[in-house]
Amino acid sequence: MPETTPVYEAERLVADLERAEIQPFAWVVNQSFTPLDVTSKLLTAKVASETPWLERVNAYPRPTLLAWQEQLPVGYPALSQLLKEEVT
């Protein structure tokens, strides 16, 4: 998530993985409102609060941004479809 705690936790995880000589393949940011066309003042403020965290994540290899979704993708077919939508 493009918020303080999740980004800091992910950075600590990357540091732990690198100490173990494991290189993360990509960073995936989910539940973001940034790619959505929001009009409410609350959601516009939420998008603005995501910006510095997304900029920080973009410094890492292969950042991927997934928009907030009403229904969570569950199971291989749903996750596969999500991947196809993001790659194209």
N, C-alpha and C. Protein backbone atom coordinates (compact mmCIF):
# COMPACT_ATOMS: atom_id res chain seq x y z
N MET A 1 0.85 -1.18 0.00
CA MET A 1 0.00 0.00 0.00
C MET A 1 0.90 1.24 0.00
N PRO A 2 0.48 2.29 -0.67
CA PRO A 2 1.29 3.51 -0.73
C PRO A 2 1.09 4.37 0.52
N GLU A 3 1.56 3.83 1.63
CA GLU A 3 1.45 4.51 2.92
C GLU A 3 2.74 4.31 3.71
N THR A 4 2.90 5.07 4.76
CA THR A 4 4.12 5.06 5.55
C THR A 4 4.54 3.67 6.02
N THR A 5 3.72 3.04 6.82
CA THR A 5 4.10 1.76 7.43
C THR A 5 4.38 0.67 6.41
N PRO A 6 3.51 0.43 5.44
CA PRO A 6 3.80 -0.64 4.48
C PRO A 6 5.09 -0.41 3.69
N VAL A 7 5.37 0.82 3.31
CA VAL A 7 6.59 1.10 2.54
C VAL A 7 7.82 0.89 3.42
N TYR A 8 7.80 1.39 4.64
CA TYR A 8 8.94 1.18 5.54
C TYR A 8 9.15 -0.31 5.84
N GLU A 9 8.07 -1.04 6.04
CA GLU A 9 8.19 -2.48 6.29
C GLU A 9 8.77 -3.20 5.08
N ALA A 10 8.35 -2.82 3.90
CA ALA A 10 8.87 -3.43 2.68
C ALA A 10 10.36 -3.11 2.51
N GLU A 11 10.75 -1.89 2.83
CA GLU A 11 12.17 -1.53 2.73
C GLU A 11 13.01 -2.35 3.72
N ARG A 12 12.49 -2.56 4.91
CA ARG A 12 13.22 -3.40 5.87
C ARG A 12 13.31 -4.84 5.38
N LEU A 13 12.25 -5.33 4.77
CA LEU A 13 12.26 -6.67 4.21
C LEU A 13 13.30 -6.78 3.10
N VAL A 14 13.36 -5.79 2.23
CA VAL A 14 14.37 -5.80 1.16
C VAL A 14 15.76 -5.85 1.76
N ALA A 15 16.02 -5.07 2.79
CA ALA A 15 17.34 -5.08 3.42
C ALA A 15 17.65 -6.46 3.99
N ASP A 16 16.68 -7.10 4.63
CA ASP A 16 16.89 -8.45 5.15
C ASP A 16 17.17 -9.44 4.03
N LEU A 17 16.40 -9.35 2.95
CA LEU A 17 16.60 -10.26 1.82
C LEU A 17 17.98 -10.06 1.19
N GLU A 18 18.40 -8.81 1.05
CA GLU A 18 19.71 -8.54 0.45
C GLU A 18 20.84 -9.06 1.33
N ARG A 19 20.67 -9.00 2.65
CA ARG A 19 21.69 -9.59 3.54
C ARG A 19 21.79 -11.09 3.33
N ALA A 20 20.68 -11.70 2.94
CA ALA A 20 20.67 -13.14 2.65
C ALA A 20 21.01 -13.41 1.18
N GLU A 21 21.45 -12.38 0.48
CA GLU A 21 21.83 -12.46 -0.93
C GLU A 21 20.66 -12.88 -1.82
N ILE A 22 19.48 -12.39 -1.48
CA ILE A 22 18.27 -12.61 -2.28
C ILE A 22 17.83 -11.26 -2.81
N GLN A 23 17.69 -11.17 -4.12
CA GLN A 23 17.27 -9.93 -4.75
C GLN A 23 15.77 -9.99 -5.06
N PRO A 24 14.98 -9.10 -4.49
CA PRO A 24 13.55 -9.08 -4.83
C PRO A 24 13.37 -8.81 -6.32
N PHE A 25 12.37 -9.46 -6.91
CA PHE A 25 12.12 -9.29 -8.34
C PHE A 25 11.43 -7.96 -8.64
N ALA A 26 10.45 -7.58 -7.82
CA ALA A 26 9.67 -6.38 -8.10
C ALA A 26 9.02 -5.87 -6.82
N TRP A 27 8.54 -4.66 -6.91
CA TRP A 27 7.73 -4.09 -5.84
C TRP A 27 6.31 -3.95 -6.37
N VAL A 28 5.36 -4.42 -5.60
CA VAL A 28 3.96 -4.31 -5.99
C VAL A 28 3.25 -3.45 -4.95
N VAL A 29 2.67 -2.38 -5.42
CA VAL A 29 1.89 -1.49 -4.55
C VAL A 29 0.43 -1.72 -4.90
N ASN A 30 -0.35 -2.15 -3.93
CA ASN A 30 -1.76 -2.40 -4.20
C ASN A 30 -2.64 -1.43 -3.40
N GLN A 31 -3.91 -1.47 -3.69
CA GLN A 31 -4.92 -0.65 -3.04
C GLN A 31 -4.67 0.85 -3.21
N SER A 32 -4.15 1.22 -4.37
CA SER A 32 -3.86 2.62 -4.64
C SER A 32 -5.04 3.32 -5.31
N PHE A 33 -5.28 4.55 -4.90
CA PHE A 33 -6.31 5.37 -5.53
C PHE A 33 -5.73 6.24 -6.65
N THR A 34 -4.42 6.30 -6.76
CA THR A 34 -3.78 7.16 -7.74
C THR A 34 -4.21 6.87 -9.18
N PRO A 35 -4.31 5.61 -9.61
CA PRO A 35 -4.70 5.39 -11.01
C PRO A 35 -6.19 5.61 -11.29
N LEU A 36 -6.97 5.86 -10.27
CA LEU A 36 -8.42 6.00 -10.43
C LEU A 36 -8.79 7.47 -10.67
N ASP A 37 -9.89 7.67 -11.34
CA ASP A 37 -10.41 9.01 -11.59
C ASP A 37 -11.33 9.37 -10.42
N VAL A 38 -10.74 9.99 -9.40
CA VAL A 38 -11.51 10.32 -8.20
C VAL A 38 -11.94 11.78 -8.26
N THR A 39 -13.10 12.06 -7.68
CA THR A 39 -13.60 13.43 -7.67
C THR A 39 -13.89 13.96 -6.27
N SER A 40 -14.07 13.07 -5.32
CA SER A 40 -14.38 13.54 -3.96
C SER A 40 -13.14 14.16 -3.33
N LYS A 41 -13.35 15.12 -2.44
CA LYS A 41 -12.25 15.79 -1.77
C LYS A 41 -11.44 14.80 -0.91
N LEU A 42 -12.14 13.88 -0.28
CA LEU A 42 -11.46 12.89 0.56
C LEU A 42 -10.52 12.02 -0.27
N LEU A 43 -11.02 11.50 -1.38
CA LEU A 43 -10.18 10.62 -2.21
C LEU A 43 -9.09 11.40 -2.94
N THR A 44 -9.35 12.65 -3.28
CA THR A 44 -8.31 13.49 -3.87
C THR A 44 -7.17 13.70 -2.88
N ALA A 45 -7.52 13.90 -1.62
CA ALA A 45 -6.49 14.03 -0.58
C ALA A 45 -5.74 12.72 -0.41
N LYS A 46 -6.44 11.60 -0.51
CA LYS A 46 -5.80 10.29 -0.40
C LYS A 46 -4.78 10.11 -1.52
N VAL A 47 -5.16 10.48 -2.74
CA VAL A 47 -4.23 10.40 -3.88
C VAL A 47 -2.99 11.26 -3.60
N ALA A 48 -3.20 12.46 -3.11
CA ALA A 48 -2.07 13.35 -2.81
C ALA A 48 -1.15 12.74 -1.75
N SER A 49 -1.74 12.07 -0.76
CA SER A 49 -0.91 11.47 0.30
C SER A 49 -0.12 10.26 -0.20
N GLU A 50 -0.57 9.65 -1.29
CA GLU A 50 0.14 8.49 -1.85
C GLU A 50 1.39 8.90 -2.64
N THR A 51 1.40 10.10 -3.17
CA THR A 51 2.44 10.53 -4.10
C THR A 51 3.87 10.33 -3.57
N PRO A 52 4.21 10.80 -2.37
CA PRO A 52 5.61 10.62 -1.94
C PRO A 52 5.98 9.15 -1.77
N TRP A 53 5.03 8.33 -1.39
CA TRP A 53 5.33 6.91 -1.19
C TRP A 53 5.50 6.20 -2.52
N LEU A 54 4.72 6.59 -3.51
CA LEU A 54 4.90 6.01 -4.84
C LEU A 54 6.22 6.45 -5.46
N GLU A 55 6.61 7.68 -5.23
CA GLU A 55 7.92 8.16 -5.72
C GLU A 55 9.04 7.35 -5.07
N ARG A 56 8.90 7.07 -3.81
CA ARG A 56 9.92 6.28 -3.10
C ARG A 56 10.01 4.87 -3.66
N VAL A 57 8.86 4.24 -3.89
CA VAL A 57 8.82 2.89 -4.42
C VAL A 57 9.38 2.85 -5.85
N ASN A 58 9.18 3.91 -6.62
CA ASN A 58 9.67 3.95 -7.99
C ASN A 58 11.20 3.89 -8.07
N ALA A 59 11.88 4.09 -6.97
CA ALA A 59 13.34 3.99 -6.95
C ALA A 59 13.79 2.53 -6.96
N TYR A 60 12.88 1.60 -6.73
CA TYR A 60 13.22 0.18 -6.69
C TYR A 60 12.91 -0.47 -8.04
N PRO A 61 13.51 -1.65 -8.28
CA PRO A 61 13.30 -2.32 -9.56
C PRO A 61 11.84 -2.74 -9.78
N ARG A 62 11.38 -2.56 -10.99
CA ARG A 62 10.08 -3.02 -11.47
C ARG A 62 8.92 -2.68 -10.53
N PRO A 63 8.71 -1.41 -10.22
CA PRO A 63 7.54 -1.06 -9.42
C PRO A 63 6.26 -1.30 -10.21
N THR A 64 5.28 -1.86 -9.56
CA THR A 64 3.99 -2.14 -10.20
C THR A 64 2.89 -1.57 -9.33
N LEU A 65 2.00 -0.83 -9.93
CA LEU A 65 0.93 -0.16 -9.21
C LEU A 65 -0.40 -0.82 -9.54
N LEU A 66 -1.09 -1.27 -8.51
CA LEU A 66 -2.41 -1.88 -8.67
C LEU A 66 -3.45 -0.98 -8.01
N ALA A 67 -4.46 -0.64 -8.77
CA ALA A 67 -5.51 0.24 -8.28
C ALA A 67 -6.39 -0.46 -7.24
N TRP A 68 -6.99 0.34 -6.38
CA TRP A 68 -7.96 -0.17 -5.43
C TRP A 68 -9.09 -0.83 -6.20
N GLN A 69 -9.56 -1.97 -5.69
CA GLN A 69 -10.64 -2.69 -6.34
C GLN A 69 -11.71 -3.03 -5.32
N GLU A 70 -12.93 -2.96 -5.77
CA GLU A 70 -14.05 -3.28 -4.88
C GLU A 70 -14.05 -4.76 -4.50
N GLN A 71 -13.77 -5.62 -5.47
CA GLN A 71 -13.70 -7.06 -5.23
C GLN A 71 -12.25 -7.50 -5.29
N LEU A 72 -11.77 -8.15 -4.24
CA LEU A 72 -10.41 -8.64 -4.25
C LEU A 72 -10.26 -9.81 -5.22
N PRO A 73 -9.16 -9.85 -5.98
CA PRO A 73 -8.94 -10.99 -6.85
C PRO A 73 -8.54 -12.21 -6.02
N VAL A 74 -9.28 -13.27 -6.15
CA VAL A 74 -9.02 -14.48 -5.37
C VAL A 74 -8.84 -15.64 -6.32
N GLY A 75 -7.78 -16.40 -6.12
CA GLY A 75 -7.53 -17.57 -6.93
C GLY A 75 -6.69 -17.26 -8.16
N TYR A 76 -6.16 -18.32 -8.74
CA TYR A 76 -5.26 -18.18 -9.89
C TYR A 76 -5.90 -17.46 -11.07
N PRO A 77 -7.13 -17.81 -11.49
CA PRO A 77 -7.71 -17.12 -12.66
C PRO A 77 -7.82 -15.60 -12.45
N ALA A 78 -8.28 -15.20 -11.30
CA ALA A 78 -8.44 -13.76 -11.03
C ALA A 78 -7.08 -13.06 -10.97
N LEU A 79 -6.11 -13.69 -10.33
CA LEU A 79 -4.78 -13.09 -10.26
C LEU A 79 -4.11 -13.05 -11.63
N SER A 80 -4.31 -14.08 -12.43
CA SER A 80 -3.75 -14.10 -13.79
C SER A 80 -4.34 -12.97 -14.62
N GLN A 81 -5.62 -12.74 -14.50
CA GLN A 81 -6.27 -11.66 -15.24
C GLN A 81 -5.72 -10.31 -14.79
N LEU A 82 -5.51 -10.16 -13.52
CA LEU A 82 -4.95 -8.92 -12.98
C LEU A 82 -3.58 -8.66 -13.57
N LEU A 83 -2.77 -9.69 -13.66
CA LEU A 83 -1.43 -9.55 -14.23
C LEU A 83 -1.52 -9.14 -15.69
N LYS A 84 -2.41 -9.74 -16.45
CA LYS A 84 -2.56 -9.39 -17.85
C LYS A 84 -2.97 -7.94 -18.02
N GLU A 85 -3.84 -7.46 -17.15
CA GLU A 85 -4.28 -6.07 -17.24
C GLU A 85 -3.15 -5.11 -16.95
N GLU A 86 -2.26 -5.47 -16.03
CA GLU A 86 -1.16 -4.58 -15.66
C GLU A 86 -0.02 -4.60 -16.67
N VAL A 87 0.22 -5.73 -17.31
CA VAL A 87 1.34 -5.86 -18.22
C VAL A 87 1.08 -5.19 -19.55
N THR A 88 -0.16 -5.23 -20.02
CA THR A 88 -0.46 -4.68 -21.34
C THR A 88 -0.52 -3.18 -21.34
